[in-house]
Amino acid sequence: MAVTSRAELTEYCLRALGEPVVEVNVDDSQLEERIDEALDYWNQYHFDGAEKLYLKQKITASNLNITTATSSNFKLGDKITGVTSGATAEVCAENNRTSGASEIIVKNITGTFIASETIGNGTTTAQLTATNFVVLGTYDKRYIPLPDTVYGVTRVIPFNAASSSKNLFDLQYQLRLNDLYDLTSTSIIYYKTVMSHISLLNLELNGYPLYRFNRMQGNLYLDVNWASDFALGDFIIMECYRALDPTEWIKVWNEPWLRKYVTALFKRQWAINGKKFQGLVLPGGVTIDWQGMYEEAKIEIKELEDEMMNKSAPLEFFLG
């Protein structure tokens, strides 16, 4: 029978341990935690546990939320200053996004604004809201938050007007337009040589974006000059590995290694729970060797983990 859900996996593993012939004395919460433990290990180390995909993130401006619908009094390029905090920000437009009546689109925030303080541009003033008065965009955060399910990042690709092949002044666009108008009459060797040369020039002159990512932090830090390298409205494309979600891809629950590993974890938990009764004589003179069961489960878990580490296909190296 194919296992297609968490509940079915739990029932399968309990039957593998003897239920309903014998009662497996493990609490439901302990079963759930052991399944989570197995999934986390499977996602991190199994070659089918993570999927390679591309995530995009827009470079966004920040918002100052005010108590009155007077955002139109603050014009593009104005410098806004907090009267109490002394913090400053520059009024901007993010890819022609229109401000709400009670929000001001800004960038380059310096200092820390204070709740409910008065802000002004030299000619007019407004009051910040008491809560959620500053909403930082990625441009001012200087990092990109990633979901908890992202385990690692392999590449960061800036994507803006200058990198698009639709740009009339793009070198590759002009090369295709003028020199390679008909690949059937042009040597592919020449095309390959020129493209390799362009790639080398781009690497030497521009390099690749430097980045840092740690899964425990969950933030992708780009070591670039944000003011000159990015503009509001640009996109960042991230090549990364994300844990496969078993609620979406139900075949995960029926994966043979995962079933065996969860069963072994259940067995170890059962033995841990029963070890406090070690040596206790049951009716009929029966005794259960809980320590022996525990050692047996440990061996099974180690063998499965060794199989995972030594026989699985390696993933591409990534930061995370």
Protein backbone atom coordinates (compact mmCIF):
# COMPACT_ATOMS: atom_id res chain seq x y z
CA MET A 1 0.00 0.00 0.00
CA ALA A 2 1.38 3.39 -1.00
CA VAL A 3 1.85 5.90 1.82
CA THR A 4 0.49 9.32 0.83
CA SER A 5 0.29 11.36 4.05
CA ARG A 6 1.88 11.95 7.46
CA ALA A 7 -0.91 9.98 9.18
CA GLU A 8 -0.47 7.02 6.85
CA LEU A 9 3.30 7.07 7.40
CA THR A 10 2.73 7.00 11.18
CA GLU A 11 0.37 4.02 10.86
CA TYR A 12 2.76 2.19 8.50
CA CYS A 13 5.73 2.55 10.86
CA LEU A 14 3.70 1.49 13.90
CA ARG A 15 2.51 -1.62 12.05
CA ALA A 16 6.14 -2.34 11.14
CA LEU A 17 6.89 -2.34 14.89
CA GLY A 18 4.10 -4.77 15.70
CA GLU A 19 0.84 -2.91 16.08
CA PRO A 20 -1.93 -3.86 16.58
CA VAL A 21 -0.56 -7.21 17.83
CA VAL A 22 1.55 -5.39 20.43
CA GLU A 23 1.07 -1.92 21.83
CA VAL A 24 3.80 0.58 20.93
CA ASN A 25 4.03 2.86 23.96
CA VAL A 26 4.95 6.14 22.29
CA ASP A 27 2.97 9.38 22.69
CA ASP A 28 1.48 11.04 19.59
CA SER A 29 3.57 14.17 20.15
CA GLN A 30 6.73 12.03 20.25
CA LEU A 31 5.73 10.39 16.96
CA GLU A 32 5.20 13.79 15.34
CA GLU A 33 8.60 15.03 16.53
CA ARG A 34 10.38 11.92 15.23
CA ILE A 35 8.75 12.40 11.80
CA ASP A 36 9.86 16.05 11.76
CA GLU A 37 13.38 14.93 12.70
CA ALA A 38 13.41 12.39 9.87
CA LEU A 39 12.09 14.87 7.31
CA ASP A 40 14.70 17.45 8.25
CA TYR A 41 17.51 14.89 7.85
CA TRP A 42 16.02 13.64 4.56
CA ASN A 43 15.65 17.18 3.17
CA GLN A 44 19.23 18.09 4.01
CA TYR A 45 21.05 14.99 2.78
CA HIS A 46 18.91 12.99 0.36
CA PHE A 47 19.43 13.79 -3.33
CA ASP A 48 15.64 13.92 -3.74
CA GLY A 49 15.08 15.92 -0.56
CA ALA A 50 15.69 19.37 -2.07
CA GLU A 51 14.73 20.97 -5.35
CA LYS A 52 16.81 23.38 -7.37
CA LEU A 53 14.89 26.50 -8.31
CA TYR A 54 15.15 30.22 -8.99
CA LEU A 55 13.62 32.81 -6.68
CA LYS A 56 13.22 36.45 -7.58
CA GLN A 57 13.24 39.47 -5.29
CA LYS A 58 12.47 43.05 -6.25
CA ILE A 59 14.63 45.86 -4.91
CA THR A 60 12.02 47.87 -3.03
CA ALA A 61 11.94 51.26 -1.34
CA SER A 62 10.89 51.92 2.24
CA ASN A 63 7.66 53.49 3.52
CA LEU A 64 7.08 56.19 6.12
CA ASN A 65 3.49 55.92 7.34
CA ILE A 66 1.89 59.17 8.52
CA THR A 67 -1.32 59.95 10.37
CA THR A 68 -2.77 62.31 7.75
CA ALA A 69 -3.43 61.91 4.03
CA THR A 70 -0.84 64.52 3.08
CA SER A 71 1.87 62.49 1.38
CA SER A 72 1.43 64.59 -1.80
CA ASN A 73 3.07 67.50 0.05
CA PHE A 74 6.38 65.63 -0.08
CA LYS A 75 7.93 65.75 -3.55
CA LEU A 76 10.47 63.54 -5.33
CA GLY A 77 13.97 64.29 -4.06
CA ASP A 78 12.86 65.99 -0.83
CA LYS A 79 14.94 65.28 2.25
CA ILE A 80 12.75 64.31 5.19
CA THR A 81 14.08 64.83 8.71
CA GLY A 82 12.68 63.62 12.02
CA VAL A 83 12.33 66.58 14.38
CA THR A 84 13.03 64.53 17.52
CA SER A 85 15.29 61.73 16.24
CA GLY A 86 17.21 63.66 13.57
CA ALA A 87 16.86 60.66 11.24
CA THR A 88 16.70 61.45 7.52
CA ALA A 89 15.30 59.88 4.36
CA GLU A 90 15.03 60.81 0.69
CA VAL A 91 11.65 60.86 -1.05
CA CYS A 92 11.77 58.66 -4.13
CA ALA A 93 9.64 56.75 -6.60
CA GLU A 94 9.98 53.00 -6.86
CA ASN A 95 9.48 52.05 -10.49
CA ASN A 96 6.71 54.66 -10.77
CA ARG A 97 4.82 53.21 -7.81
CA THR A 98 2.30 55.72 -6.48
CA SER A 99 2.35 56.55 -2.79
CA GLY A 100 -0.75 55.93 -0.76
CA ALA A 101 -2.38 59.02 0.71
CA SER A 102 -0.87 58.22 4.12
CA GLU A 103 2.51 56.78 3.10
CA ILE A 104 5.68 58.33 1.74
CA ILE A 105 8.02 56.26 -0.45
CA VAL A 106 11.62 56.87 0.66
CA LYS A 107 15.13 55.46 0.43
CA ASN A 108 18.56 56.04 2.04
CA ILE A 109 17.21 56.11 5.58
CA THR A 110 19.87 57.31 8.02
CA GLY A 111 19.32 57.08 11.76
CA THR A 112 16.22 55.76 13.51
CA PHE A 113 12.84 57.45 13.32
CA ILE A 114 10.69 57.53 16.48
CA ALA A 115 7.06 56.55 16.73
CA SER A 116 4.59 59.47 16.50
CA GLU A 117 7.36 62.03 15.93
CA THR A 118 6.98 64.99 13.60
CA ILE A 119 8.80 64.84 10.27
CA GLY A 120 9.31 67.62 7.76
CA ASN A 121 10.95 68.60 4.46
CA GLY A 122 11.60 72.26 5.33
CA THR A 123 8.26 73.56 4.11
CA THR A 124 5.67 71.13 5.43
CA THR A 125 5.36 68.68 8.29
CA ALA A 126 3.52 65.47 9.14
CA GLN A 127 3.32 63.03 12.03
CA LEU A 128 4.43 59.41 11.94
CA THR A 129 1.99 56.76 13.10
CA ALA A 130 2.40 55.19 16.55
CA THR A 131 2.92 51.68 15.15
CA ASN A 132 4.37 50.34 11.92
CA PHE A 133 5.61 53.85 11.17
CA VAL A 134 8.65 52.69 9.16
CA VAL A 135 8.53 49.72 6.78
CA LEU A 136 12.01 49.03 5.42
CA GLY A 137 12.40 47.85 1.84
CA THR A 138 15.22 45.65 0.58
CA TYR A 139 17.17 48.72 -0.61
CA ASP A 140 17.54 50.04 2.94
CA LYS A 141 17.74 46.64 4.63
CA ARG A 142 20.76 45.77 2.46
CA TYR A 143 19.74 42.12 2.55
CA ILE A 144 17.08 39.83 1.11
CA PRO A 145 15.05 37.64 3.49
CA LEU A 146 14.59 34.07 2.25
CA PRO A 147 12.05 31.43 3.35
CA ASP A 148 13.06 28.94 6.06
CA THR A 149 12.76 26.13 3.52
CA VAL A 150 15.73 27.48 1.52
CA TYR A 151 18.75 25.39 2.52
CA GLY A 152 21.43 27.01 0.35
CA VAL A 153 22.22 29.50 -2.39
CA THR A 154 24.46 28.65 -5.35
CA ARG A 155 24.31 31.79 -7.46
CA VAL A 156 23.01 35.37 -7.47
CA ILE A 157 22.03 36.93 -10.80
CA PRO A 158 21.26 40.67 -11.08
CA PHE A 159 18.48 41.27 -13.58
CA ASN A 160 17.88 44.81 -14.73
CA ALA A 161 17.58 46.80 -17.93
CA ALA A 162 21.32 46.69 -18.58
CA SER A 163 21.44 42.91 -18.39
CA SER A 164 18.41 42.31 -20.61
CA SER A 165 18.94 41.20 -24.21
CA LYS A 166 16.17 43.62 -25.21
CA ASN A 167 18.44 46.56 -24.44
CA LEU A 168 19.46 48.16 -27.75
CA PHE A 169 22.94 49.00 -26.44
CA ASP A 170 23.64 45.55 -25.02
CA LEU A 171 26.79 44.03 -26.54
CA GLN A 172 25.29 40.57 -26.99
CA TYR A 173 22.18 42.06 -28.61
CA GLN A 174 24.28 43.94 -31.16
CA LEU A 175 26.40 40.84 -31.80
CA ARG A 176 23.35 38.76 -32.63
CA LEU A 177 21.77 41.54 -34.66
CA ASN A 178 24.72 42.44 -36.88
CA ASP A 179 27.15 39.53 -36.94
CA LEU A 180 25.00 36.46 -36.48
CA TYR A 181 21.96 37.33 -38.54
CA ASP A 182 21.93 33.82 -39.96
CA LEU A 183 23.57 31.01 -38.01
CA THR A 184 23.21 28.65 -40.96
CA SER A 185 25.76 30.69 -42.90
CA THR A 186 28.03 31.59 -39.97
CA SER A 187 30.51 29.31 -38.25
CA ILE A 188 29.38 28.25 -34.79
CA ILE A 189 33.05 28.18 -33.80
CA TYR A 190 33.27 31.94 -34.28
CA TYR A 191 30.08 32.46 -32.28
CA LYS A 192 31.36 30.28 -29.43
CA THR A 193 34.71 32.07 -29.39
CA VAL A 194 33.16 35.51 -29.25
CA MET A 195 30.68 34.54 -26.53
CA SER A 196 33.48 33.06 -24.41
CA HIS A 197 35.48 36.25 -24.88
CA ILE A 198 32.49 38.38 -23.81
CA SER A 199 31.97 36.18 -20.76
CA LEU A 200 35.64 36.55 -19.79
CA LEU A 201 35.49 40.34 -20.20
CA ASN A 202 32.37 40.52 -18.06
CA LEU A 203 34.01 38.41 -15.35
CA GLU A 204 37.23 40.47 -15.34
CA LEU A 205 35.55 43.90 -15.49
CA ASN A 206 32.39 43.31 -13.48
CA GLY A 207 32.86 40.03 -11.63
CA TYR A 208 30.08 38.09 -9.99
CA PRO A 209 28.02 39.49 -7.12
CA LEU A 210 29.55 38.48 -3.79
CA TYR A 211 27.05 37.20 -1.29
CA ARG A 212 26.72 35.59 2.12
CA PHE A 213 23.94 33.30 3.31
CA ASN A 214 23.43 31.30 6.47
CA ARG A 215 20.31 29.21 6.84
CA MET A 216 20.02 29.98 10.56
CA GLN A 217 19.87 33.73 9.80
CA GLY A 218 17.63 33.35 6.75
CA ASN A 219 18.99 36.50 5.09
CA LEU A 220 20.96 36.80 1.84
CA TYR A 221 23.56 39.55 2.18
CA LEU A 222 24.94 41.06 -1.03
CA ASP A 223 28.43 42.54 -0.74
CA VAL A 224 27.94 45.22 -3.37
CA ASN A 225 27.63 48.98 -3.66
CA TRP A 226 23.87 49.23 -3.41
CA ALA A 227 23.77 52.89 -4.46
CA SER A 228 25.53 52.27 -7.79
CA ASP A 229 24.88 48.59 -8.53
CA PHE A 230 21.11 48.51 -7.97
CA ALA A 231 18.20 50.77 -8.74
CA LEU A 232 14.74 50.63 -7.22
CA GLY A 233 12.62 48.25 -9.23
CA ASP A 234 15.53 46.01 -10.29
CA PHE A 235 15.25 42.29 -9.63
CA ILE A 236 17.66 39.83 -8.05
CA ILE A 237 17.44 36.21 -9.22
CA MET A 238 18.68 33.63 -6.72
CA GLU A 239 19.61 30.09 -7.74
CA CYS A 240 19.03 28.01 -4.65
CA TYR A 241 18.02 24.69 -3.14
CA ARG A 242 14.71 24.46 -1.28
CA ALA A 243 13.43 21.63 0.89
CA LEU A 244 10.79 19.55 -0.86
CA ASP A 245 7.40 20.09 0.76
CA PRO A 246 5.73 16.69 1.42
CA THR A 247 2.29 18.29 1.70
CA GLU A 248 2.65 19.35 -1.94
CA TRP A 249 4.62 16.35 -3.25
CA ILE A 250 3.00 13.41 -1.47
CA LYS A 251 5.38 10.83 -2.98
CA VAL A 252 7.84 11.93 -0.29
CA TRP A 253 5.87 9.98 2.33
CA ASN A 254 6.33 6.74 0.38
CA GLU A 255 10.11 7.10 -0.08
CA PRO A 256 11.66 3.74 1.07
CA TRP A 257 14.59 5.21 3.00
CA LEU A 258 12.34 7.66 4.83
CA ARG A 259 9.91 4.90 5.86
CA LYS A 260 12.76 2.80 7.27
CA TYR A 261 14.32 5.78 9.05
CA VAL A 262 11.05 6.86 10.69
CA THR A 263 10.42 3.27 11.80
CA ALA A 264 13.88 3.13 13.38
CA LEU A 265 13.31 6.45 15.17
CA PHE A 266 9.95 5.22 16.49
CA LYS A 267 11.65 2.07 17.72
CA ARG A 268 14.36 4.03 19.53
CA GLN A 269 11.75 6.29 21.14
CA TRP A 270 9.75 3.24 22.26
CA ALA A 271 12.88 1.74 23.81
CA ILE A 272 13.74 5.01 25.59
CA ASN A 273 10.24 5.18 27.05
CA GLY A 274 10.45 1.54 28.19
CA LYS A 275 13.97 1.62 29.64
CA LYS A 276 12.62 2.91 32.96
CA PHE A 277 10.89 -0.47 33.30
CA GLN A 278 14.06 -2.45 32.58
CA GLY A 279 14.02 -5.69 34.55
CA LEU A 280 10.33 -5.44 35.45
CA VAL A 281 8.65 -8.87 35.32
CA LEU A 282 5.32 -8.86 33.50
CA PRO A 283 2.45 -11.29 34.21
CA GLY A 284 3.45 -14.79 33.15
CA GLY A 285 7.11 -14.17 33.98
CA VAL A 286 7.76 -12.20 30.77
CA THR A 287 10.48 -9.53 30.69
CA ILE A 288 11.33 -7.12 27.87
CA ASP A 289 14.94 -6.27 27.03
CA TRP A 290 14.46 -2.53 26.51
CA GLN A 291 18.21 -1.85 26.45
CA GLY A 292 18.65 -4.45 23.73
CA MET A 293 15.85 -2.86 21.69
CA TYR A 294 17.49 0.53 22.17
CA GLU A 295 20.87 -0.72 20.94
CA GLU A 296 19.22 -2.45 18.00
CA ALA A 297 17.44 0.76 16.99
CA LYS A 298 20.69 2.73 17.28
CA ILE A 299 22.42 0.33 14.89
CA GLU A 300 19.56 0.55 12.39
CA ILE A 301 19.62 4.36 12.49
CA LYS A 302 23.39 4.48 12.03
CA GLU A 303 23.25 2.08 9.08
CA LEU A 304 20.54 4.17 7.39
CA GLU A 305 22.48 7.40 7.97
CA ASP A 306 25.66 5.80 6.61
CA GLU A 307 23.71 4.68 3.55
CA MET A 308 22.46 8.24 3.07
CA MET A 309 25.89 9.86 3.40
CA ASN A 310 27.86 7.30 1.37
CA LYS A 311 25.46 6.23 -1.37
CA SER A 312 23.42 9.32 -2.17
CA ALA A 313 24.21 11.46 -5.21
CA PRO A 314 26.08 14.61 -4.10
CA LEU A 315 24.39 18.00 -4.46
CA GLU A 316 26.10 21.02 -5.95
CA PHE A 317 28.09 23.03 -3.43
CA PHE A 318 26.09 25.87 -1.95
CA LEU A 319 26.25 28.46 0.81
CA GLY A 320 23.84 27.75 3.62
